[in-house]
Amino acid sequence: MSDENQREVARIVAGSGSSFRAGMRLMPAPRRRAILAIYAYCRLLDDMVDGPAPLVEKRAFLDEWAAELGRIRKGVAETAVGRELANASRAYDLPQNELALILDGMRMDLDGVIAPDEARLDAYIRRVAGAVGILSMHVFGAWRGAASERFALTLAEALQLTNILRDVEEDAELNRLYLPAELLAETGIPPVPAAVPDAPGLPEARRRLALRARAAYRAAAREIAAHPRLRIAPALLMMGPYERLLRQIEADAARPPVPRPRWRKLVDGLLCLATSGATR
């Protein structure tokens, strides 16, 4: 049964990006198995929320996963991903409230995240990105208390804001708009997803939100030295390509950044790993 669970997780994460796969290769097999379970959980939820199913089916799917999280806590998970999450939880003492927060973030997407105020955007990022960061730091074996929480949450904020900046046009097609309401008002952009891609104020809005993302990367960088380099290598291999993506946006905020080939992303990740201030 364990092999079947792992095969199902592998199938779900098969389409993951190159920086993710590169980071996983540096991890011992048991830790890699655990992080793949977390990633598969996120992929399942995200694919359903973003998919074509009717809203009632999406809500039912999330409700069933809320029940599965309860079964995970009791040690009686029923799904392959749930059983793998249960194994990871036992092995690495994963905080179960973080798994629940990810589910809450997906519910926010279903309810519609359109021009959230700053507080709602912060809550959303904490759930869909921050929770993953904290869980990952436990699996990495890198948890060092407050410094690790700061690193996980600030890096998660930086990565998620970079995603938001990159995907403005794509999100608009899904009737989503993650740019905060205050920023839209300041730059004269209507809080309507379809109106955003062609709004004259969009480059300025991108530049301003990029400032916040840049500050988050800097805050995360300040915490790197508190952690063993190899323990947080998967995070640094993701940080490098995303920070490079932010630089593209900073250089030309008028249009979405041009996708970089996978090998370039890997190089960016390795450079971040090699030049970080982490301990050995």
Protein backbone atom coordinates (compact mmCIF):
# COMPACT_ATOMS: atom_id res chain seq x y z
CA MET A 1 0.00 0.00 0.00
CA SER A 2 2.84 2.39 0.80
CA ASP A 3 4.28 1.96 -2.70
CA GLU A 4 0.85 2.62 -4.21
CA ASN A 5 0.51 5.81 -2.18
CA GLN A 6 3.91 7.04 -3.34
CA ARG A 7 3.10 6.24 -6.98
CA GLU A 8 -0.10 8.26 -6.75
CA VAL A 9 1.76 11.22 -5.23
CA ALA A 10 4.40 10.97 -7.97
CA ARG A 11 1.67 11.04 -10.61
CA ILE A 12 0.13 14.18 -9.15
CA VAL A 13 3.40 16.11 -8.95
CA ALA A 14 4.75 14.92 -12.30
CA GLY A 15 4.20 18.34 -13.91
CA SER A 16 6.06 20.35 -11.28
CA GLY A 17 8.57 23.00 -12.34
CA SER A 18 12.31 22.50 -12.78
CA SER A 19 13.36 24.53 -9.72
CA PHE A 20 11.06 22.42 -7.56
CA ARG A 21 12.45 19.15 -8.92
CA ALA A 22 16.04 20.31 -8.59
CA GLY A 23 15.55 21.17 -4.93
CA MET A 24 13.96 17.83 -4.17
CA ARG A 25 16.93 15.94 -5.59
CA LEU A 26 19.12 17.38 -2.83
CA MET A 27 16.95 15.93 -0.09
CA PRO A 28 17.28 12.49 1.51
CA ALA A 29 14.61 10.10 0.27
CA PRO A 30 12.40 10.17 3.40
CA ARG A 31 12.31 13.99 3.46
CA ARG A 32 11.74 14.10 -0.30
CA ARG A 33 8.80 11.74 0.15
CA ALA A 34 7.30 14.05 2.78
CA ILE A 35 7.70 17.25 0.77
CA LEU A 36 6.19 15.57 -2.27
CA ALA A 37 3.14 14.69 -0.16
CA ILE A 38 2.69 18.35 0.79
CA TYR A 39 3.12 19.43 -2.81
CA ALA A 40 0.64 16.81 -4.03
CA TYR A 41 -1.90 18.05 -1.48
CA CYS A 42 -1.51 21.61 -2.75
CA ARG A 43 -1.71 20.52 -6.38
CA LEU A 44 -4.91 18.53 -5.80
CA LEU A 45 -6.63 21.49 -4.16
CA ASP A 46 -5.33 24.05 -6.63
CA ASP A 47 -6.21 21.97 -9.70
CA MET A 48 -9.77 21.52 -8.47
CA VAL A 49 -10.25 25.19 -7.56
CA ASP A 50 -8.84 26.34 -10.92
CA GLY A 51 -10.52 23.62 -12.94
CA PRO A 52 -13.82 23.53 -14.88
CA ALA A 53 -15.93 21.68 -12.31
CA PRO A 54 -19.13 23.37 -11.09
CA LEU A 55 -18.77 25.48 -7.96
CA VAL A 56 -20.84 23.06 -5.90
CA GLU A 57 -18.44 20.23 -6.75
CA LYS A 58 -15.45 22.36 -5.87
CA ARG A 59 -16.92 23.19 -2.48
CA ALA A 60 -17.74 19.55 -1.85
CA PHE A 61 -14.18 18.57 -2.76
CA LEU A 62 -12.75 21.03 -0.23
CA ASP A 63 -15.24 19.86 2.40
CA GLU A 64 -14.11 16.29 1.86
CA TRP A 65 -10.51 17.35 2.28
CA ALA A 66 -11.40 19.10 5.53
CA ALA A 67 -12.75 15.75 6.70
CA GLU A 68 -9.61 13.99 5.45
CA LEU A 69 -7.44 16.37 7.48
CA GLY A 70 -9.41 15.29 10.53
CA ARG A 71 -8.76 11.66 9.64
CA ILE A 72 -5.05 12.42 9.18
CA ARG A 73 -4.91 13.76 12.73
CA LYS A 74 -6.56 10.55 13.96
CA GLY A 75 -4.28 8.31 11.90
CA VAL A 76 -7.07 6.92 9.68
CA ALA A 77 -6.55 8.77 6.37
CA GLU A 78 -8.46 7.29 3.44
CA THR A 79 -6.68 8.75 0.39
CA ALA A 80 -3.20 8.10 -0.96
CA VAL A 81 -2.16 11.70 -0.46
CA GLY A 82 -3.77 11.75 2.98
CA ARG A 83 -1.84 8.66 4.05
CA GLU A 84 1.41 10.17 2.79
CA LEU A 85 0.64 13.40 4.67
CA ALA A 86 -0.04 11.36 7.80
CA ASN A 87 3.35 9.65 7.44
CA ALA A 88 5.05 13.01 6.97
CA SER A 89 3.21 14.48 9.95
CA ARG A 90 4.40 11.68 12.22
CA ALA A 91 7.96 11.74 10.94
CA TYR A 92 8.51 15.50 11.05
CA ASP A 93 5.96 16.74 13.58
CA LEU A 94 4.14 18.85 11.03
CA PRO A 95 1.86 21.53 12.50
CA GLN A 96 -1.59 20.39 11.42
CA ASN A 97 -3.05 23.89 11.57
CA GLU A 98 -0.83 24.81 8.60
CA LEU A 99 -2.43 22.11 6.45
CA ALA A 100 -5.81 23.53 7.40
CA LEU A 101 -4.69 27.06 6.53
CA ILE A 102 -3.86 25.95 2.98
CA LEU A 103 -7.42 24.66 2.66
CA ASP A 104 -8.72 27.99 3.97
CA GLY A 105 -6.75 29.79 1.26
CA MET A 106 -8.38 27.67 -1.41
CA ARG A 107 -11.78 28.54 0.01
CA MET A 108 -10.85 32.21 -0.30
CA ASP A 109 -10.18 31.64 -4.01
CA LEU A 110 -13.58 30.01 -4.42
CA ASP A 111 -15.26 32.92 -2.65
CA GLY A 112 -13.52 35.24 -5.09
CA VAL A 113 -10.34 37.19 -4.46
CA ILE A 114 -11.00 40.38 -6.39
CA ALA A 115 -9.14 43.55 -5.41
CA PRO A 116 -8.66 42.50 -1.76
CA ASP A 117 -7.74 45.11 0.79
CA GLU A 118 -4.23 44.81 2.24
CA ALA A 119 -5.40 42.82 5.26
CA ARG A 120 -7.25 40.27 3.12
CA LEU A 121 -4.30 39.95 0.75
CA ASP A 122 -2.01 39.34 3.72
CA ALA A 123 -4.40 36.67 5.03
CA TYR A 124 -4.52 35.02 1.61
CA ILE A 125 -0.74 34.95 1.22
CA ARG A 126 -0.32 33.56 4.74
CA ARG A 127 -2.60 30.68 3.85
CA VAL A 128 -1.65 29.68 0.32
CA ALA A 129 2.09 30.40 0.60
CA GLY A 130 3.15 30.98 4.20
CA ALA A 131 1.68 27.70 5.42
CA VAL A 132 3.58 25.79 2.74
CA GLY A 133 6.79 27.54 3.75
CA ILE A 134 6.42 26.62 7.41
CA LEU A 135 5.58 22.99 6.62
CA SER A 136 8.54 22.81 4.26
CA MET A 137 10.99 24.13 6.84
CA HIS A 138 9.94 21.33 9.20
CA VAL A 139 10.41 18.70 6.51
CA PHE A 140 13.77 20.16 5.48
CA GLY A 141 14.99 19.65 9.04
CA ALA A 142 15.82 23.35 9.06
CA TRP A 143 13.44 24.60 11.74
CA ARG A 144 15.25 26.97 14.10
CA GLY A 145 12.31 28.65 15.79
CA ALA A 146 11.57 32.33 15.24
CA ALA A 147 14.26 32.81 12.58
CA SER A 148 12.78 29.96 10.54
CA GLU A 149 9.27 31.35 10.86
CA ARG A 150 10.49 34.74 9.65
CA PHE A 151 12.38 33.16 6.75
CA ALA A 152 9.45 30.96 5.71
CA LEU A 153 6.86 33.72 5.86
CA THR A 154 8.88 36.49 4.23
CA LEU A 155 10.11 34.23 1.44
CA ALA A 156 6.56 32.97 0.91
CA GLU A 157 5.34 36.56 0.68
CA ALA A 158 8.04 37.40 -1.84
CA LEU A 159 7.29 34.38 -4.02
CA GLN A 160 3.53 34.88 -3.94
CA LEU A 161 3.77 38.59 -4.73
CA THR A 162 6.05 37.75 -7.65
CA ASN A 163 3.44 35.28 -8.89
CA ILE A 164 0.74 37.94 -8.59
CA LEU A 165 2.84 40.45 -10.52
CA ARG A 166 3.58 37.93 -13.26
CA ASP A 167 0.03 36.62 -13.61
CA VAL A 168 -2.09 39.79 -13.67
CA GLU A 169 -3.31 39.18 -17.22
CA GLU A 170 -3.80 35.44 -16.75
CA ASP A 171 -5.70 35.98 -13.50
CA ALA A 172 -7.96 38.53 -15.20
CA GLU A 173 -9.07 35.85 -17.65
CA LEU A 174 -10.15 33.76 -14.63
CA ASN A 175 -12.01 36.79 -13.20
CA ARG A 176 -9.43 37.16 -10.43
CA LEU A 177 -7.58 40.24 -9.30
CA TYR A 178 -5.05 40.01 -6.51
CA LEU A 179 -3.70 43.56 -6.72
CA PRO A 180 -4.79 45.25 -3.47
CA ALA A 181 -7.68 47.69 -3.55
CA GLU A 182 -5.62 50.49 -2.04
CA LEU A 183 -3.03 50.19 -4.82
CA LEU A 184 -5.70 50.14 -7.52
CA ALA A 185 -7.25 53.32 -6.13
CA GLU A 186 -3.88 55.07 -5.98
CA THR A 187 -3.08 54.21 -9.60
CA GLY A 188 -6.54 54.84 -11.04
CA ILE A 189 -7.31 51.24 -11.98
CA PRO A 190 -10.94 50.04 -11.78
CA PRO A 191 -11.31 47.08 -9.38
CA VAL A 192 -12.61 44.93 -12.23
CA PRO A 193 -10.42 42.06 -13.48
CA ALA A 194 -11.25 42.52 -17.17
CA ALA A 195 -10.28 46.21 -17.05
CA VAL A 196 -6.86 45.72 -15.49
CA PRO A 197 -4.67 44.39 -18.35
CA ASP A 198 -5.22 47.49 -20.49
CA ALA A 199 -5.36 50.03 -17.66
CA PRO A 200 -2.84 52.89 -18.09
CA GLY A 201 -1.98 52.67 -14.41
CA LEU A 202 -0.99 48.99 -14.46
CA PRO A 203 2.79 49.54 -14.94
CA GLU A 204 2.85 51.90 -11.95
CA ALA A 205 0.82 49.45 -9.88
CA ARG A 206 3.26 46.68 -10.80
CA ARG A 207 6.23 48.86 -9.86
CA ARG A 208 4.75 49.68 -6.46
CA LEU A 209 3.85 46.10 -5.60
CA ALA A 210 7.30 45.05 -6.80
CA LEU A 211 8.76 47.28 -4.09
CA ARG A 212 6.92 45.26 -1.48
CA ALA A 213 8.11 42.00 -3.05
CA ARG A 214 11.69 43.28 -3.11
CA ALA A 215 11.48 44.18 0.58
CA ALA A 216 10.22 40.67 1.35
CA TYR A 217 13.15 39.06 -0.50
CA ARG A 218 15.54 41.23 1.49
CA ALA A 219 13.85 40.28 4.75
CA ALA A 220 14.12 36.59 3.86
CA ALA A 221 17.78 36.99 2.91
CA ARG A 222 18.54 38.39 6.36
CA GLU A 223 17.42 35.10 7.92
CA ILE A 224 19.41 32.78 5.67
CA ALA A 225 22.53 32.81 7.80
CA ALA A 226 20.63 31.30 10.74
CA HIS A 227 20.18 28.04 8.83
CA PRO A 228 22.45 25.28 7.47
CA ARG A 229 22.90 25.85 3.75
CA LEU A 230 22.06 22.32 2.64
CA ARG A 231 18.96 22.15 4.82
CA ILE A 232 17.38 25.13 3.06
CA ALA A 233 18.83 24.39 -0.37
CA PRO A 234 15.40 23.58 -1.87
CA ALA A 235 14.11 26.99 -0.75
CA LEU A 236 17.15 28.79 -2.16
CA LEU A 237 16.84 26.96 -5.46
CA MET A 238 13.33 28.39 -5.75
CA MET A 239 14.27 31.81 -4.42
CA GLY A 240 16.87 32.37 -7.15
CA PRO A 241 14.59 32.03 -10.21
CA TYR A 242 11.77 33.96 -8.57
CA GLU A 243 14.02 36.83 -7.59
CA ARG A 244 15.31 36.93 -11.16
CA LEU A 245 11.68 37.05 -12.34
CA LEU A 246 11.06 40.03 -10.08
CA ARG A 247 14.07 41.76 -11.60
CA GLN A 248 12.51 41.31 -15.04
CA ILE A 249 9.29 42.90 -13.78
CA GLU A 250 11.19 45.76 -12.17
CA ALA A 251 13.02 46.39 -15.44
CA ASP A 252 9.83 46.44 -17.56
CA ALA A 253 6.59 46.78 -15.63
CA ALA A 254 4.53 47.50 -18.74
CA ARG A 255 4.15 43.87 -19.81
CA PRO A 256 4.33 40.35 -18.41
CA PRO A 257 7.88 38.98 -18.16
CA VAL A 258 9.14 36.66 -20.87
CA PRO A 259 9.35 33.06 -19.57
CA ARG A 260 12.91 31.84 -19.00
CA PRO A 261 14.04 28.38 -20.13
CA ARG A 262 14.33 25.73 -17.46
CA TRP A 263 18.10 25.60 -17.60
CA ARG A 264 18.29 29.33 -16.89
CA LYS A 265 16.01 28.92 -13.90
CA LEU A 266 18.27 26.16 -12.61
CA VAL A 267 21.32 28.39 -13.02
CA ASP A 268 19.54 31.18 -11.12
CA GLY A 269 18.76 28.75 -8.32
CA LEU A 270 22.30 27.44 -8.11
CA LEU A 271 23.65 30.98 -7.99
CA CYS A 272 21.35 31.80 -5.11
CA LEU A 273 22.45 28.65 -3.30
CA ALA A 274 26.13 29.37 -3.90
CA THR A 275 26.07 33.05 -2.90
CA SER A 276 23.66 32.94 0.04
CA GLY A 277 24.80 33.67 3.56
CA ALA A 278 23.62 30.38 5.01
CA THR A 279 25.85 28.46 7.41
CA ARG A 280 27.39 25.17 6.34
